[in-house]
C-alpha atoms as a PDB file:
ATOM      1  CA  MET A   1      32.831  34.000 -43.589  1.00  0.00           C
ATOM      2  CA  ALA A   2      34.686  35.040 -40.488  1.00  0.00           C
ATOM      3  CA  ARG A   3      33.689  33.620 -37.117  1.00  0.00           C
ATOM      4  CA  THR A   4      32.917  36.384 -34.801  1.00  0.00           C
ATOM      5  CA  ASN A   5      32.394  34.395 -31.540  1.00  0.00           C
ATOM      6  CA  LYS A   6      35.598  32.765 -30.203  1.00  0.00           C
ATOM      7  CA  SER A   7      33.934  30.279 -27.700  1.00  0.00           C
ATOM      8  CA  PRO A   8      34.571  26.683 -27.885  1.00  0.00           C
ATOM      9  CA  TRP A   9      31.148  25.513 -28.213  1.00  0.00           C
ATOM     10  CA  ILE A  10      28.510  26.147 -30.898  1.00  0.00           C
ATOM     11  CA  GLU A  11      25.392  27.922 -29.882  1.00  0.00           C
ATOM     12  CA  THR A  12      22.117  26.392 -31.176  1.00  0.00           C
ATOM     13  CA  PRO A  13      18.516  26.536 -30.072  1.00  0.00           C
ATOM     14  CA  ALA A  14      17.150  23.489 -28.403  1.00  0.00           C
ATOM     15  CA  THR A  15      13.790  22.360 -27.219  1.00  0.00           C
ATOM     16  CA  THR A  16      13.493  20.077 -24.017  1.00  0.00           C
ATOM     17  CA  VAL A  17      11.748  17.004 -24.738  1.00  0.00           C
ATOM     18  CA  GLY A  18      10.452  14.526 -21.951  1.00  0.00           C
ATOM     19  CA  TYR A  19      10.624  10.772 -21.937  1.00  0.00           C
ATOM     20  CA  VAL A  20       7.552   9.089 -23.414  1.00  0.00           C
ATOM     21  CA  ASP A  21       6.345   5.970 -21.341  1.00  0.00           C
ATOM     22  CA  HIS A  22       5.125   2.862 -23.102  1.00  0.00           C
ATOM     23  CA  PRO A  23       1.461   2.379 -22.586  1.00  0.00           C
ATOM     24  CA  LEU A  24       2.168  -0.763 -20.423  1.00  0.00           C
ATOM     25  CA  VAL A  25       4.416   1.019 -18.244  1.00  0.00           C
ATOM     26  CA  LYS A  26       1.616   3.643 -17.741  1.00  0.00           C
ATOM     27  CA  LEU A  27      -0.740   0.811 -16.964  1.00  0.00           C
ATOM     28  CA  LEU A  28       1.583  -0.662 -14.447  1.00  0.00           C
ATOM     29  CA  ARG A  29       2.135   2.727 -12.604  1.00  0.00           C
ATOM     30  CA  TRP A  30      -1.579   3.115 -12.493  1.00  0.00           C
ATOM     31  CA  ILE A  31      -2.139  -0.338 -10.933  1.00  0.00           C
ATOM     32  CA  ASP A  32       0.761   0.260  -8.445  1.00  0.00           C
ATOM     33  CA  ARG A  33      -1.049   3.545  -7.440  1.00  0.00           C
ATOM     34  CA  GLY A  34      -4.298   1.667  -6.990  1.00  0.00           C
ATOM     35  CA  LEU A  35      -2.815  -1.038  -4.825  1.00  0.00           C
ATOM     36  CA  LEU A  36      -1.010   1.584  -2.743  1.00  0.00           C
ATOM     37  CA  TRP A  37      -4.321   3.344  -2.136  1.00  0.00           C
ATOM     38  CA  LEU A  38      -6.117  -0.027  -1.330  1.00  0.00           C
ATOM     39  CA  GLU A  39      -3.388  -1.005   1.204  1.00  0.00           C
ATOM     40  CA  SER A  40      -3.622   2.207   2.937  1.00  0.00           C
ATOM     41  CA  CYS A  41      -7.325   1.948   3.176  1.00  0.00           C
ATOM     42  CA  LEU A  42      -6.979  -1.541   4.591  1.00  0.00           C
ATOM     43  CA  GLN A  43      -4.431  -0.519   7.052  1.00  0.00           C
ATOM     44  CA  ARG A  44      -6.764   2.261   8.284  1.00  0.00           C
ATOM     45  CA  LEU A  45      -9.734  -0.113   8.396  1.00  0.00           C
ATOM     46  CA  TRP A  46      -7.501  -2.644  10.405  1.00  0.00           C
ATOM     47  CA  ARG A  47      -6.352  -0.010  12.929  1.00  0.00           C
ATOM     48  CA  TRP A  48      -9.933   1.168  13.441  1.00  0.00           C
ATOM     49  CA  TRP A  49     -11.125  -2.341  13.952  1.00  0.00           C
ATOM     50  CA  TRP A  50      -8.188  -3.253  16.338  1.00  0.00           C
ATOM     51  CA  VAL A  51      -8.742  -0.098  18.412  1.00  0.00           C
ATOM     52  CA  SER A  52     -12.623   0.032  18.503  1.00  0.00           C
ATOM     53  CA  ILE A  53     -13.211  -3.627  18.808  1.00  0.00           C
ATOM     54  CA  VAL A  54     -10.262  -5.608  20.341  1.00  0.00           C
ATOM     55  CA  GLU A  55      -8.844  -2.957  22.635  1.00  0.00           C
ATOM     56  CA  ASN A  56     -12.200  -1.777  23.902  1.00  0.00           C
ATOM     57  CA  ALA A  57     -13.499  -5.400  24.546  1.00  0.00           C
ATOM     58  CA  LYS A  58     -11.749  -5.502  27.840  1.00  0.00           C
ATOM     59  CA  ASP A  59     -14.379  -3.510  29.600  1.00  0.00           C
ATOM     60  CA  SER A  60     -17.431  -4.683  27.439  1.00  0.00           C
ATOM     61  CA  GLU A  61     -19.355  -7.893  27.004  1.00  0.00           C
ATOM     62  CA  LEU A  62     -17.106  -8.732  24.031  1.00  0.00           C
ATOM     63  CA  SER A  63     -14.429  -9.645  26.462  1.00  0.00           C
ATOM     64  CA  ARG A  64     -15.792 -13.257  26.523  1.00  0.00           C
ATOM     65  CA  PHE A  65     -14.297 -13.647  22.899  1.00  0.00           C
ATOM     66  CA  THR A  66     -10.825 -12.734  24.076  1.00  0.00           C
ATOM     67  CA  VAL A  67      -8.587 -15.535  25.227  1.00  0.00           C
ATOM     68  CA  LYS A  68      -7.890 -15.451  29.068  1.00  0.00           C
ATOM     69  CA  GLY A  69      -5.231 -17.825  30.066  1.00  0.00           C
ATOM     70  CA  PRO A  70      -4.139 -21.013  28.177  1.00  0.00           C
ATOM     71  CA  VAL A  71      -6.149 -22.357  25.371  1.00  0.00           C
ATOM     72  CA  GLN A  72      -7.898 -25.570  26.155  1.00  0.00           C
ATOM     73  CA  GLU A  73      -8.299 -28.033  23.422  1.00  0.00           C
ATOM     74  CA  PRO A  74     -11.961 -29.115  22.733  1.00  0.00           C
ATOM     75  CA  GLU A  75     -13.137 -32.470  24.005  1.00  0.00           C
ATOM     76  CA  SER A  76     -12.992 -35.131  21.338  1.00  0.00           C
ATOM     77  CA  VAL A  77     -16.444 -35.949  19.740  1.00  0.00           C
ATOM     78  CA  GLU A  78     -17.313 -39.288  18.282  1.00  0.00           C
ATOM     79  CA  PRO A  79     -18.193 -39.247  14.768  1.00  0.00           C
ATOM     80  CA  ARG A  80     -21.814 -39.928  13.710  1.00  0.00           C
ATOM     81  CA  ARG A  81     -22.519 -43.300  12.239  1.00  0.00           C
END
């Protein structure tokens, strides 16, 4: 049988197949995404708390909880006998 195509490669039909992850790899990726979501929620909560409580405490009655000047050590207390 004579070859009609003079190309240096062979034509053949092919099907693209993706990589199949191990179930533990899938689990670790799911955990990683969950931790990323949790970290972002905690960051937003921390920023909200810092802005609404700490930054606004300067002009409110909560200012008594902020440190003004050097911190004084508490007086020593005698232990009960």
